[in-house]
Amino acid sequence: MLKYQVRHQIVSINNVDYPIRTLQDRQQYHDQDARAETLGISSATWSLFGVVWPSARVLATHVSGIDLRGKRVLEIGCGIALASIVLHRQGVDITASDYHPLACEFLEQNVLNNLLPPIKFQTGNWETVNPLLNKFDLIIGSDVLYEPAHAAVVADFIERHSEPSIHVIIVDPNRGNRARFAKTMVKLGFTYSFEKFNQTGNDEETCKGRILHFNR
C-alpha cells in the first residue's frame, strides 16, 4: 500500500496534452527500506523528484522544437522526466536518468499513461559511475544546479557521457551556481552561450532564468 499520495494532471507542451502522474505535493515522504537514505537522499529532499517543476516545462518545450533525428539524447536528473516523455513521443532516441529509487517507477507509469512504448532508463548518480550509461550526442537537464557542489559534479558527469561532438542544454532557474558551472564546462573544452526565459506555466507559477547551451 502506498504511503504517499499522488496527483494526476494534464501538462500541455506545444499544444499537446500529456497525462502525468506525480506526487500530490512536495510534502510527501515514504522511504521504504531506507533506500533513498542509503543513496544520500534526505527526508527534506525525497519528494523533489516527484513533481513537475516549472523549469522542466521550459526544457520540454525547448527541446521539443529541435530536430533530433539520428541523435542519442540523455536527460540527467530527470525526476518525473517530462522532457524525456515528450521526446519519446516524437520518436527521439532518449534515455532518462535519475538516482531517486522511485524515478523509474513513476516514469514507466507515465509512459503507459501516454500510450507509449517502454522508454530507456538508467540510474544516474552524478558522483558515481554507471557502466551501462554510454556516451551521447545531446545531454539535457533542468534545475540540476541547486547545490554549489553540483557545478563540478554535474560537469564531470556530463564529460564522462559526452561524445567528442556534443551539445548540452541546461535550464537553470537562477539558482546561483550557473557561473561556476559554466566556467568548469569551458575548462573541459566547451563553448558557452545562453538565452533568457520568463515563462508562466499552467499552474500560473512564473519561472525565470536562462537556458544554457554548451557545444564541443
N, C-alpha and C. Protein backbone atom coordinates (compact mmCIF):
# COMPACT_ATOMS: atom_id res chain seq x y z
N MET A 1 0.85 -1.20 0.00
CA MET A 1 0.00 0.00 0.00
C MET A 1 0.88 1.24 0.00
N LEU A 2 0.52 2.21 -0.88
CA LEU A 2 1.29 3.44 -0.97
C LEU A 2 1.19 4.25 0.32
N LYS A 3 2.32 4.76 0.76
CA LYS A 3 2.37 5.61 1.94
C LYS A 3 2.48 7.08 1.56
N TYR A 4 2.31 7.36 0.27
CA TYR A 4 2.33 8.74 -0.19
C TYR A 4 1.15 8.93 -1.14
N GLN A 5 0.74 10.19 -1.30
CA GLN A 5 -0.39 10.48 -2.17
C GLN A 5 0.10 10.98 -3.53
N VAL A 6 -0.66 10.65 -4.56
CA VAL A 6 -0.28 11.05 -5.91
C VAL A 6 -1.35 11.96 -6.52
N ARG A 7 -0.96 12.58 -7.57
CA ARG A 7 -1.83 13.51 -8.29
C ARG A 7 -1.77 13.18 -9.77
N HIS A 8 -2.90 13.27 -10.46
CA HIS A 8 -2.95 13.08 -11.91
C HIS A 8 -3.29 14.42 -12.54
N GLN A 9 -2.46 14.85 -13.46
CA GLN A 9 -2.66 16.16 -14.08
C GLN A 9 -2.36 16.07 -15.57
N ILE A 10 -2.81 17.08 -16.29
CA ILE A 10 -2.51 17.20 -17.72
C ILE A 10 -1.50 18.33 -17.90
N VAL A 11 -0.38 18.01 -18.50
CA VAL A 11 0.65 19.00 -18.79
C VAL A 11 0.67 19.23 -20.30
N SER A 12 0.48 20.45 -20.71
CA SER A 12 0.45 20.77 -22.14
C SER A 12 1.79 21.33 -22.59
N ILE A 13 2.36 20.71 -23.60
CA ILE A 13 3.62 21.17 -24.20
C ILE A 13 3.38 21.35 -25.69
N ASN A 14 3.51 22.59 -26.15
CA ASN A 14 3.29 22.90 -27.57
C ASN A 14 1.96 22.34 -28.07
N ASN A 15 0.92 22.59 -27.29
CA ASN A 15 -0.46 22.23 -27.63
C ASN A 15 -0.71 20.72 -27.67
N VAL A 16 0.17 19.95 -27.09
CA VAL A 16 -0.04 18.51 -26.93
C VAL A 16 -0.22 18.23 -25.45
N ASP A 17 -1.25 17.49 -25.10
CA ASP A 17 -1.54 17.19 -23.70
C ASP A 17 -0.91 15.86 -23.29
N TYR A 18 -0.26 15.88 -22.13
CA TYR A 18 0.38 14.69 -21.58
C TYR A 18 -0.20 14.41 -20.20
N PRO A 19 -0.87 13.27 -20.02
CA PRO A 19 -1.32 12.89 -18.67
C PRO A 19 -0.11 12.47 -17.85
N ILE A 20 0.08 13.12 -16.71
CA ILE A 20 1.26 12.90 -15.89
C ILE A 20 0.86 12.59 -14.45
N ARG A 21 1.40 11.52 -13.92
CA ARG A 21 1.20 11.13 -12.52
C ARG A 21 2.40 11.61 -11.71
N THR A 22 2.13 12.38 -10.67
CA THR A 22 3.18 12.93 -9.82
C THR A 22 2.83 12.68 -8.36
N LEU A 23 3.72 13.06 -7.47
CA LEU A 23 3.36 13.14 -6.07
C LEU A 23 2.30 14.22 -5.89
N GLN A 24 1.49 14.10 -4.87
CA GLN A 24 0.45 15.09 -4.61
C GLN A 24 1.05 16.49 -4.41
N ASP A 25 2.17 16.55 -3.68
CA ASP A 25 2.84 17.82 -3.41
C ASP A 25 4.24 17.52 -2.89
N ARG A 26 4.94 18.56 -2.50
CA ARG A 26 6.32 18.40 -2.04
C ARG A 26 6.41 17.99 -0.58
N GLN A 27 5.29 17.73 0.05
CA GLN A 27 5.29 17.30 1.45
C GLN A 27 5.25 15.78 1.59
N GLN A 28 5.13 15.06 0.50
CA GLN A 28 5.03 13.60 0.55
C GLN A 28 6.38 12.98 0.91
N TYR A 29 6.31 11.84 1.63
CA TYR A 29 7.55 11.15 2.00
C TYR A 29 7.24 9.71 2.40
N HIS A 30 7.97 8.78 1.81
CA HIS A 30 7.89 7.39 2.24
C HIS A 30 9.13 6.67 1.72
N ASP A 31 10.10 6.51 2.55
CA ASP A 31 11.37 5.89 2.16
C ASP A 31 11.38 4.44 2.62
N GLN A 32 10.70 3.60 1.87
CA GLN A 32 10.61 2.19 2.22
C GLN A 32 11.99 1.54 2.21
N ASP A 33 12.30 0.83 3.28
CA ASP A 33 13.58 0.12 3.44
C ASP A 33 14.78 1.06 3.40
N ALA A 34 14.56 2.35 3.64
CA ALA A 34 15.63 3.36 3.69
C ALA A 34 16.45 3.37 2.39
N ARG A 35 15.80 3.09 1.28
CA ARG A 35 16.52 3.07 0.00
C ARG A 35 17.06 4.45 -0.36
N ALA A 36 16.25 5.49 -0.19
CA ALA A 36 16.70 6.84 -0.53
C ALA A 36 17.77 7.31 0.44
N GLU A 37 17.58 7.04 1.73
CA GLU A 37 18.56 7.46 2.73
C GLU A 37 19.93 6.85 2.43
N THR A 38 19.94 5.60 2.01
CA THR A 38 21.20 4.93 1.66
C THR A 38 21.91 5.63 0.51
N LEU A 39 21.12 6.22 -0.38
CA LEU A 39 21.68 6.94 -1.52
C LEU A 39 22.03 8.38 -1.19
N GLY A 40 21.79 8.80 0.05
CA GLY A 40 22.10 10.16 0.45
C GLY A 40 20.98 11.15 0.22
N ILE A 41 19.75 10.63 0.00
CA ILE A 41 18.59 11.50 -0.22
C ILE A 41 17.88 11.68 1.11
N SER A 42 17.85 12.89 1.62
CA SER A 42 17.25 13.17 2.92
C SER A 42 15.74 13.25 2.83
N SER A 43 15.08 13.23 3.98
CA SER A 43 13.61 13.37 4.00
C SER A 43 13.18 14.71 3.45
N ALA A 44 14.03 15.73 3.61
CA ALA A 44 13.69 17.07 3.12
C ALA A 44 13.71 17.16 1.60
N THR A 45 14.50 16.30 0.96
CA THR A 45 14.62 16.37 -0.50
C THR A 45 13.98 15.17 -1.20
N TRP A 46 13.44 14.22 -0.44
CA TRP A 46 12.89 12.99 -1.01
C TRP A 46 11.86 13.27 -2.09
N SER A 47 10.99 14.23 -1.87
CA SER A 47 9.85 14.45 -2.77
C SER A 47 10.21 15.25 -4.02
N LEU A 48 11.41 15.81 -4.09
CA LEU A 48 11.71 16.76 -5.15
C LEU A 48 11.70 16.14 -6.54
N PHE A 49 11.93 14.84 -6.63
CA PHE A 49 11.90 14.17 -7.93
C PHE A 49 10.49 14.11 -8.49
N GLY A 50 9.48 14.13 -7.62
CA GLY A 50 8.16 13.67 -7.98
C GLY A 50 7.14 14.72 -8.33
N VAL A 51 7.59 15.94 -8.65
CA VAL A 51 6.68 16.99 -9.09
C VAL A 51 7.18 17.56 -10.41
N VAL A 52 6.30 18.20 -11.16
CA VAL A 52 6.70 18.83 -12.41
C VAL A 52 7.11 20.26 -12.09
N TRP A 53 8.40 20.50 -12.12
CA TRP A 53 8.91 21.83 -11.82
C TRP A 53 8.74 22.75 -13.03
N PRO A 54 8.58 24.06 -12.81
CA PRO A 54 8.44 24.98 -13.94
C PRO A 54 9.58 24.88 -14.95
N SER A 55 10.81 24.70 -14.46
CA SER A 55 11.94 24.61 -15.38
C SER A 55 11.86 23.36 -16.25
N ALA A 56 11.20 22.30 -15.75
CA ALA A 56 11.02 21.10 -16.56
C ALA A 56 10.11 21.38 -17.74
N ARG A 57 9.09 22.20 -17.53
CA ARG A 57 8.22 22.61 -18.64
C ARG A 57 9.01 23.40 -19.69
N VAL A 58 9.88 24.28 -19.20
CA VAL A 58 10.69 25.09 -20.12
C VAL A 58 11.59 24.18 -20.95
N LEU A 59 12.24 23.22 -20.31
CA LEU A 59 13.11 22.30 -21.04
C LEU A 59 12.33 21.49 -22.06
N ALA A 60 11.20 20.92 -21.64
CA ALA A 60 10.41 20.10 -22.55
C ALA A 60 9.95 20.90 -23.77
N THR A 61 9.52 22.12 -23.53
CA THR A 61 9.07 22.97 -24.63
C THR A 61 10.23 23.29 -25.57
N HIS A 62 11.39 23.61 -25.00
CA HIS A 62 12.55 24.00 -25.80
C HIS A 62 13.04 22.84 -26.67
N VAL A 63 13.26 21.67 -26.09
CA VAL A 63 13.86 20.58 -26.86
C VAL A 63 12.87 19.95 -27.84
N SER A 64 11.57 20.12 -27.59
CA SER A 64 10.59 19.53 -28.50
C SER A 64 10.60 20.19 -29.86
N GLY A 65 11.21 21.38 -29.95
CA GLY A 65 11.27 22.08 -31.23
C GLY A 65 12.57 21.90 -31.97
N ILE A 66 13.44 21.00 -31.49
CA ILE A 66 14.74 20.77 -32.13
C ILE A 66 14.69 19.49 -32.96
N ASP A 67 15.31 19.53 -34.12
CA ASP A 67 15.41 18.33 -34.96
C ASP A 67 16.48 17.41 -34.38
N LEU A 68 16.07 16.30 -33.80
CA LEU A 68 17.00 15.39 -33.13
C LEU A 68 17.09 14.04 -33.83
N ARG A 69 16.77 14.00 -35.09
CA ARG A 69 16.87 12.76 -35.84
C ARG A 69 18.32 12.26 -35.86
N GLY A 70 18.50 11.00 -35.50
CA GLY A 70 19.84 10.42 -35.52
C GLY A 70 20.68 10.73 -34.30
N LYS A 71 20.13 11.48 -33.33
CA LYS A 71 20.87 11.86 -32.13
C LYS A 71 20.52 10.93 -30.97
N ARG A 72 21.53 10.60 -30.17
CA ARG A 72 21.30 9.89 -28.91
C ARG A 72 21.27 10.92 -27.80
N VAL A 73 20.16 10.96 -27.06
CA VAL A 73 19.91 12.03 -26.10
C VAL A 73 19.81 11.44 -24.70
N LEU A 74 20.39 12.14 -23.72
CA LEU A 74 20.33 11.74 -22.32
C LEU A 74 19.75 12.89 -21.50
N GLU A 75 18.72 12.60 -20.70
CA GLU A 75 18.24 13.59 -19.73
C GLU A 75 18.81 13.23 -18.36
N ILE A 76 19.50 14.17 -17.72
CA ILE A 76 20.09 13.93 -16.41
C ILE A 76 19.19 14.53 -15.34
N GLY A 77 19.18 13.90 -14.16
CA GLY A 77 18.33 14.39 -13.07
C GLY A 77 16.90 14.54 -13.52
N CYS A 78 16.38 13.50 -14.19
CA CYS A 78 15.12 13.66 -14.92
C CYS A 78 13.91 13.86 -14.02
N GLY A 79 13.92 13.31 -12.78
CA GLY A 79 12.73 13.42 -11.94
C GLY A 79 11.54 12.75 -12.59
N ILE A 80 10.48 13.49 -12.80
CA ILE A 80 9.29 12.98 -13.50
C ILE A 80 9.56 12.78 -14.99
N ALA A 81 10.62 13.38 -15.50
CA ALA A 81 11.10 13.13 -16.87
C ALA A 81 10.14 13.63 -17.94
N LEU A 82 9.58 14.81 -17.73
CA LEU A 82 8.66 15.37 -18.71
C LEU A 82 9.31 15.52 -20.07
N ALA A 83 10.52 16.07 -20.12
CA ALA A 83 11.19 16.26 -21.41
C ALA A 83 11.44 14.93 -22.10
N SER A 84 11.82 13.92 -21.34
CA SER A 84 12.07 12.60 -21.93
C SER A 84 10.79 12.02 -22.53
N ILE A 85 9.68 12.19 -21.84
CA ILE A 85 8.40 11.67 -22.34
C ILE A 85 8.00 12.40 -23.63
N VAL A 86 8.19 13.70 -23.65
CA VAL A 86 7.85 14.48 -24.85
C VAL A 86 8.71 14.03 -26.03
N LEU A 87 10.02 13.88 -25.81
CA LEU A 87 10.90 13.45 -26.90
C LEU A 87 10.63 12.01 -27.31
N HIS A 88 10.32 11.17 -26.34
CA HIS A 88 9.98 9.77 -26.63
C HIS A 88 8.76 9.70 -27.55
N ARG A 89 7.78 10.54 -27.29
CA ARG A 89 6.58 10.58 -28.14
C ARG A 89 6.94 11.00 -29.56
N GLN A 90 7.98 11.82 -29.71
CA GLN A 90 8.40 12.28 -31.03
C GLN A 90 9.32 11.29 -31.74
N GLY A 91 9.62 10.18 -31.08
CA GLY A 91 10.46 9.17 -31.71
C GLY A 91 11.94 9.38 -31.54
N VAL A 92 12.33 10.24 -30.61
CA VAL A 92 13.74 10.53 -30.37
C VAL A 92 14.36 9.38 -29.56
N ASP A 93 15.63 9.08 -29.82
CA ASP A 93 16.38 8.06 -29.06
C ASP A 93 16.80 8.69 -27.73
N ILE A 94 15.93 8.58 -26.73
CA ILE A 94 16.12 9.27 -25.46
C ILE A 94 16.33 8.25 -24.34
N THR A 95 17.27 8.56 -23.45
CA THR A 95 17.47 7.80 -22.22
C THR A 95 17.27 8.76 -21.05
N ALA A 96 16.40 8.41 -20.13
CA ALA A 96 16.18 9.22 -18.93
C ALA A 96 17.05 8.66 -17.81
N SER A 97 17.53 9.54 -16.93
CA SER A 97 18.37 9.08 -15.83
C SER A 97 18.11 9.90 -14.58
N ASP A 98 18.15 9.21 -13.45
CA ASP A 98 17.98 9.84 -12.14
C ASP A 98 18.45 8.82 -11.11
N TYR A 99 18.77 9.28 -9.89
CA TYR A 99 19.19 8.32 -8.88
C TYR A 99 18.16 8.11 -7.78
N HIS A 100 17.02 8.77 -7.89
CA HIS A 100 15.97 8.53 -6.90
C HIS A 100 15.37 7.14 -7.13
N PRO A 101 15.16 6.36 -6.07
CA PRO A 101 14.69 4.98 -6.26
C PRO A 101 13.30 4.85 -6.86
N LEU A 102 12.48 5.92 -6.86
CA LEU A 102 11.14 5.84 -7.44
C LEU A 102 11.04 6.49 -8.82
N ALA A 103 12.10 7.08 -9.31
CA ALA A 103 12.04 7.81 -10.58
C ALA A 103 11.64 6.89 -11.73
N CYS A 104 12.24 5.71 -11.79
CA CYS A 104 11.94 4.79 -12.89
C CYS A 104 10.49 4.31 -12.81
N GLU A 105 10.01 4.03 -11.61
CA GLU A 105 8.63 3.56 -11.44
C GLU A 105 7.63 4.59 -11.93
N PHE A 106 7.81 5.85 -11.55
CA PHE A 106 6.90 6.91 -11.99
C PHE A 106 7.02 7.10 -13.50
N LEU A 107 8.23 7.02 -14.04
CA LEU A 107 8.42 7.20 -15.48
C LEU A 107 7.70 6.11 -16.26
N GLU A 108 7.86 4.87 -15.84
CA GLU A 108 7.21 3.76 -16.55
C GLU A 108 5.70 3.91 -16.54
N GLN A 109 5.14 4.35 -15.41
CA GLN A 109 3.70 4.53 -15.34
C GLN A 109 3.24 5.67 -16.25
N ASN A 110 4.01 6.75 -16.28
CA ASN A 110 3.62 7.88 -17.13
C ASN A 110 3.76 7.55 -18.61
N VAL A 111 4.72 6.73 -18.95
CA VAL A 111 4.84 6.28 -20.34
C VAL A 111 3.61 5.45 -20.73
N LEU A 112 3.18 4.58 -19.83
CA LEU A 112 1.96 3.81 -20.08
C LEU A 112 0.74 4.71 -20.19
N ASN A 113 0.65 5.70 -19.30
CA ASN A 113 -0.49 6.62 -19.32
C ASN A 113 -0.56 7.39 -20.62
N ASN A 114 0.58 7.58 -21.28
CA ASN A 114 0.61 8.30 -22.55
C ASN A 114 0.58 7.35 -23.75
N LEU A 115 0.30 6.06 -23.48
CA LEU A 115 0.14 5.05 -24.54
C LEU A 115 1.39 4.94 -25.41
N LEU A 116 2.56 5.02 -24.75
CA LEU A 116 3.83 4.96 -25.45
C LEU A 116 4.54 3.64 -25.16
N PRO A 117 5.44 3.22 -26.04
CA PRO A 117 6.22 2.01 -25.76
C PRO A 117 7.21 2.26 -24.63
N PRO A 118 7.83 1.22 -24.09
CA PRO A 118 8.78 1.40 -23.00
C PRO A 118 9.89 2.39 -23.35
N ILE A 119 10.36 3.10 -22.34
CA ILE A 119 11.41 4.10 -22.52
C ILE A 119 12.67 3.62 -21.82
N LYS A 120 13.82 4.02 -22.33
CA LYS A 120 15.09 3.64 -21.71
C LYS A 120 15.34 4.49 -20.46
N PHE A 121 15.77 3.81 -19.40
CA PHE A 121 16.09 4.49 -18.14
C PHE A 121 17.35 3.86 -17.56
N GLN A 122 18.22 4.72 -17.01
CA GLN A 122 19.41 4.26 -16.32
C GLN A 122 19.60 5.06 -15.05
N THR A 123 20.14 4.41 -14.03
CA THR A 123 20.49 5.13 -12.80
C THR A 123 21.57 6.15 -13.12
N GLY A 124 21.37 7.38 -12.67
CA GLY A 124 22.33 8.43 -12.97
C GLY A 124 22.71 9.21 -11.73
N ASN A 125 23.57 8.63 -10.92
CA ASN A 125 24.13 9.36 -9.77
C ASN A 125 25.35 10.11 -10.26
N TRP A 126 25.32 11.43 -10.16
CA TRP A 126 26.39 12.24 -10.74
C TRP A 126 27.75 11.97 -10.11
N GLU A 127 27.78 11.44 -8.91
CA GLU A 127 29.05 11.24 -8.21
C GLU A 127 29.59 9.82 -8.35
N THR A 128 28.89 8.96 -9.06
CA THR A 128 29.37 7.59 -9.26
C THR A 128 29.35 7.25 -10.74
N VAL A 129 29.88 6.09 -11.06
CA VAL A 129 29.97 5.65 -12.45
C VAL A 129 28.96 4.54 -12.71
N ASN A 130 28.19 4.67 -13.76
CA ASN A 130 27.29 3.61 -14.21
C ASN A 130 27.80 3.13 -15.56
N PRO A 131 28.40 1.94 -15.62
CA PRO A 131 28.96 1.46 -16.89
C PRO A 131 27.92 1.21 -17.96
N LEU A 132 26.63 1.15 -17.58
CA LEU A 132 25.57 0.94 -18.57
C LEU A 132 25.20 2.23 -19.29
N LEU A 133 25.63 3.36 -18.75
CA LEU A 133 25.39 4.63 -19.42
C LEU A 133 26.55 4.88 -20.38
N ASN A 134 26.24 5.01 -21.64
CA ASN A 134 27.27 5.21 -22.64
C ASN A 134 27.51 6.69 -22.90
N LYS A 135 27.77 7.04 -24.13
CA LYS A 135 28.02 8.43 -24.50
C LYS A 135 26.91 8.92 -25.42
N PHE A 136 26.67 10.22 -25.38
CA PHE A 136 25.50 10.79 -26.06
C PHE A 136 25.88 12.00 -26.90
N ASP A 137 25.01 12.29 -27.88
CA ASP A 137 25.21 13.45 -28.76
C ASP A 137 24.61 14.73 -28.17
N LEU A 138 23.59 14.55 -27.32
CA LEU A 138 22.93 15.67 -26.66
C LEU A 138 22.61 15.27 -25.24
N ILE A 139 22.98 16.12 -24.28
CA ILE A 139 22.64 15.90 -22.88
C ILE A 139 21.81 17.09 -22.40
N ILE A 140 20.66 16.80 -21.78
CA ILE A 140 19.76 17.86 -21.35
C ILE A 140 19.45 17.70 -19.85
N GLY A 141 19.06 18.80 -19.24
CA GLY A 141 18.68 18.75 -17.83
C GLY A 141 18.02 20.05 -17.42
N SER A 142 17.22 19.99 -16.36
CA SER A 142 16.57 21.20 -15.86
C SER A 142 16.73 21.27 -14.35
N ASP A 143 17.12 22.45 -13.88
CA ASP A 143 17.25 22.71 -12.44
C ASP A 143 18.15 21.69 -11.75
N VAL A 144 19.31 21.44 -12.34
CA VAL A 144 20.25 20.47 -11.78
C VAL A 144 21.40 21.13 -11.03
N LEU A 145 21.39 22.46 -10.92
CA LEU A 145 22.49 23.18 -10.28
C LEU A 145 22.04 23.81 -8.97
N TYR A 146 21.23 23.07 -8.19
CA TYR A 146 20.62 23.65 -6.99
C TYR A 146 21.52 23.59 -5.77
N GLU A 147 22.69 22.94 -5.85
CA GLU A 147 23.67 22.93 -4.77
C GLU A 147 25.00 23.42 -5.32
N PRO A 148 25.79 24.17 -4.53
CA PRO A 148 27.08 24.66 -5.02
C PRO A 148 27.98 23.55 -5.56
N ALA A 149 27.97 22.39 -4.90
CA ALA A 149 28.83 21.29 -5.34
C ALA A 149 28.46 20.75 -6.71
N HIS A 150 27.21 20.99 -7.14
CA HIS A 150 26.76 20.44 -8.41
C HIS A 150 27.49 21.05 -9.60
N ALA A 151 28.03 22.24 -9.44
CA ALA A 151 28.75 22.87 -10.55
C ALA A 151 29.85 21.97 -11.05
N ALA A 152 30.56 21.32 -10.14
CA ALA A 152 31.67 20.44 -10.54
C ALA A 152 31.19 19.04 -10.88
N VAL A 153 30.33 18.45 -10.03
CA VAL A 153 29.97 17.04 -10.24
C VAL A 153 29.10 16.87 -11.48
N VAL A 154 28.21 17.83 -11.76
CA VAL A 154 27.39 17.72 -12.97
C VAL A 154 28.26 17.87 -14.21
N ALA A 155 29.21 18.79 -14.18
CA ALA A 155 30.12 18.97 -15.32
C ALA A 155 30.93 17.70 -15.56
N ASP A 156 31.44 17.10 -14.49
CA ASP A 156 32.22 15.87 -14.64
C ASP A 156 31.36 14.73 -15.18
N PHE A 157 30.11 14.64 -14.71
CA PHE A 157 29.20 13.60 -15.18
C PHE A 157 28.93 13.78 -16.68
N ILE A 158 28.68 15.01 -17.07
CA ILE A 158 28.44 15.30 -18.48
C ILE A 158 29.66 14.91 -19.32
N GLU A 159 30.84 15.25 -18.84
CA GLU A 159 32.06 14.93 -19.57
C GLU A 159 32.21 13.42 -19.77
N ARG A 160 31.89 12.64 -18.74
CA ARG A 160 32.03 11.18 -18.83
C ARG A 160 31.10 10.57 -19.88
N HIS A 161 29.99 11.24 -20.14
CA HIS A 161 28.98 10.64 -21.03
C HIS A 161 28.77 11.43 -22.32
N SER A 162 29.79 12.21 -22.70
CA SER A 162 29.71 13.02 -23.90
C SER A 162 30.51 12.41 -25.05
N GLU A 163 29.89 12.38 -26.23
CA GLU A 163 30.64 12.09 -27.43
C GLU A 163 31.61 13.24 -27.70
N PRO A 164 32.64 13.02 -28.52
CA PRO A 164 33.57 14.12 -28.83
C PRO A 164 32.86 15.37 -29.35
N SER A 165 31.83 15.15 -30.19
CA SER A 165 30.99 16.26 -30.66
C SER A 165 29.68 16.21 -29.88
N ILE A 166 29.41 17.22 -29.08
CA ILE A 166 28.32 17.15 -28.11
C ILE A 166 27.67 18.52 -27.94
N HIS A 167 26.36 18.50 -27.73
CA HIS A 167 25.60 19.70 -27.38
C HIS A 167 24.94 19.44 -26.03
N VAL A 168 25.02 20.39 -25.12
CA VAL A 168 24.44 20.27 -23.79
C VAL A 168 23.47 21.42 -23.58
N ILE A 169 22.27 21.11 -23.09
CA ILE A 169 21.26 22.13 -22.81
C ILE A 169 20.82 21.98 -21.36
N ILE A 170 21.03 23.01 -20.57
CA ILE A 170 20.65 23.00 -19.16
C ILE A 170 19.75 24.21 -18.89
N VAL A 171 18.55 23.96 -18.36
CA VAL A 171 17.66 25.04 -17.96
C VAL A 171 17.93 25.35 -16.49
N ASP A 172 18.33 26.58 -16.23
CA ASP A 172 18.70 26.98 -14.87
C ASP A 172 17.82 28.14 -14.41
N PRO A 173 16.97 27.92 -13.40
CA PRO A 173 16.09 28.98 -12.90
C PRO A 173 16.80 29.87 -11.88
N ASN A 174 17.96 30.39 -12.28
CA ASN A 174 18.72 31.35 -11.46
C ASN A 174 19.04 30.82 -10.07
N ARG A 175 19.59 29.61 -10.02
CA ARG A 175 19.94 29.01 -8.73
C ARG A 175 21.18 29.63 -8.09
N GLY A 176 22.01 30.29 -8.87
CA GLY A 176 23.18 30.96 -8.29
C GLY A 176 24.49 30.23 -8.51
N ASN A 177 24.44 29.03 -9.09
CA ASN A 177 25.67 28.27 -9.32
C ASN A 177 26.02 28.19 -10.80
N ARG A 178 25.31 28.97 -11.60
CA ARG A 178 25.48 28.92 -13.05
C ARG A 178 26.88 29.32 -13.49
N ALA A 179 27.41 30.42 -12.95
CA ALA A 179 28.70 30.92 -13.40
C ALA A 179 29.82 29.92 -13.12
N ARG A 180 29.77 29.29 -11.95
CA ARG A 180 30.80 28.30 -11.61
C ARG A 180 30.70 27.08 -12.54
N PHE A 181 29.48 26.67 -12.84
CA PHE A 181 29.27 25.54 -13.73
C PHE A 181 29.79 25.87 -15.13
N ALA A 182 29.44 27.04 -15.64
CA ALA A 182 29.87 27.44 -16.98
C ALA A 182 31.40 27.50 -17.07
N LYS A 183 32.02 28.02 -16.04
CA LYS A 183 33.48 28.10 -16.03
C LYS A 183 34.10 26.71 -16.08
N THR A 184 33.53 25.77 -15.35
CA THR A 184 34.04 24.40 -15.35
C THR A 184 33.86 23.76 -16.72
N MET A 185 32.71 23.99 -17.34
CA MET A 185 32.45 23.42 -18.67
C MET A 185 33.41 23.99 -19.71
N VAL A 186 33.69 25.27 -19.63
CA VAL A 186 34.63 25.88 -20.57
C VAL A 186 36.02 25.27 -20.42
N LYS A 187 36.42 24.99 -19.19
CA LYS A 187 37.71 24.34 -18.96
C LYS A 187 37.77 22.95 -19.58
N LEU A 188 36.60 22.32 -19.72
CA LEU A 188 36.52 21.00 -20.33
C LEU A 188 36.46 21.06 -21.85
N GLY A 189 36.55 22.27 -22.41
CA GLY A 189 36.61 22.43 -23.85
C GLY A 189 35.32 22.82 -24.53
N PHE A 190 34.31 23.21 -23.74
CA PHE A 190 33.03 23.60 -24.31
C PHE A 190 32.98 25.10 -24.57
N THR A 191 32.25 25.48 -25.62
CA THR A 191 31.87 26.87 -25.79
C THR A 191 30.53 27.09 -25.10
N TYR A 192 30.26 28.33 -24.72
CA TYR A 192 29.11 28.61 -23.86
C TYR A 192 28.30 29.77 -24.40
N SER A 193 26.99 29.59 -24.42
CA SER A 193 26.07 30.68 -24.74
C SER A 193 24.79 30.45 -23.95
N PHE A 194 23.92 31.45 -23.92
CA PHE A 194 22.68 31.29 -23.17
C PHE A 194 21.60 32.18 -23.75
N GLU A 195 20.37 31.86 -23.37
CA GLU A 195 19.22 32.71 -23.69
C GLU A 195 18.35 32.80 -22.45
N LYS A 196 17.80 33.97 -22.20
CA LYS A 196 16.97 34.16 -21.02
C LYS A 196 15.54 33.71 -21.30
N PHE A 197 14.84 33.30 -20.24
CA PHE A 197 13.43 32.96 -20.37
C PHE A 197 12.67 33.51 -19.17
N ASN A 198 11.41 33.76 -19.39
CA ASN A 198 10.49 34.22 -18.35
C ASN A 198 9.12 33.71 -18.74
N GLN A 199 8.73 32.57 -18.15
CA GLN A 199 7.52 31.91 -18.57
C GLN A 199 6.61 31.62 -17.39
N THR A 200 5.32 31.52 -17.67
CA THR A 200 4.32 31.16 -16.69
C THR A 200 3.69 29.84 -17.11
N GLY A 201 3.71 28.85 -16.23
CA GLY A 201 3.19 27.53 -16.54
C GLY A 201 1.70 27.45 -16.37
N ASN A 202 1.17 26.24 -16.56
CA ASN A 202 -0.27 26.01 -16.44
C ASN A 202 -0.80 26.32 -15.05
N ASP A 203 0.08 26.19 -14.05
CA ASP A 203 -0.32 26.46 -12.67
C ASP A 203 -0.05 27.90 -12.27
N GLU A 204 0.26 28.74 -13.28
CA GLU A 204 0.49 30.17 -13.08
C GLU A 204 1.74 30.45 -12.26
N GLU A 205 2.63 29.47 -12.12
CA GLU A 205 3.89 29.67 -11.41
C GLU A 205 4.92 30.20 -12.39
N THR A 206 5.44 31.39 -12.12
CA THR A 206 6.39 32.02 -13.03
C THR A 206 7.78 31.44 -12.82
N CYS A 207 8.48 31.22 -13.90
CA CYS A 207 9.84 30.68 -13.86
C CYS A 207 10.74 31.57 -14.71
N LYS A 208 11.76 32.14 -14.09
CA LYS A 208 12.71 32.98 -14.79
C LYS A 208 14.09 32.35 -14.71
N GLY A 209 14.89 32.58 -15.73
CA GLY A 209 16.25 32.06 -15.69
C GLY A 209 16.88 32.08 -17.05
N ARG A 210 17.77 31.11 -17.27
CA ARG A 210 18.50 31.04 -18.52
C ARG A 210 18.55 29.60 -19.02
N ILE A 211 18.48 29.47 -20.34
CA ILE A 211 18.74 28.20 -20.99
C ILE A 211 20.20 28.22 -21.44
N LEU A 212 20.99 27.35 -20.83
CA LEU A 212 22.42 27.31 -21.07
C LEU A 212 22.72 26.34 -22.19
N HIS A 213 23.59 26.76 -23.13
CA HIS A 213 23.99 25.92 -24.24
C HIS A 213 25.52 25.75 -24.21
N PHE A 214 25.96 24.51 -24.30
CA PHE A 214 27.38 24.21 -24.35
C PHE A 214 27.62 23.31 -25.56
N ASN A 215 28.64 23.64 -26.34
CA ASN A 215 28.95 22.87 -27.54
C ASN A 215 30.45 22.53 -27.57
N ARG A 216 30.71 21.38 -28.16
CA ARG A 216 32.12 21.00 -28.33
C ARG A 216 32.23 20.14 -29.60
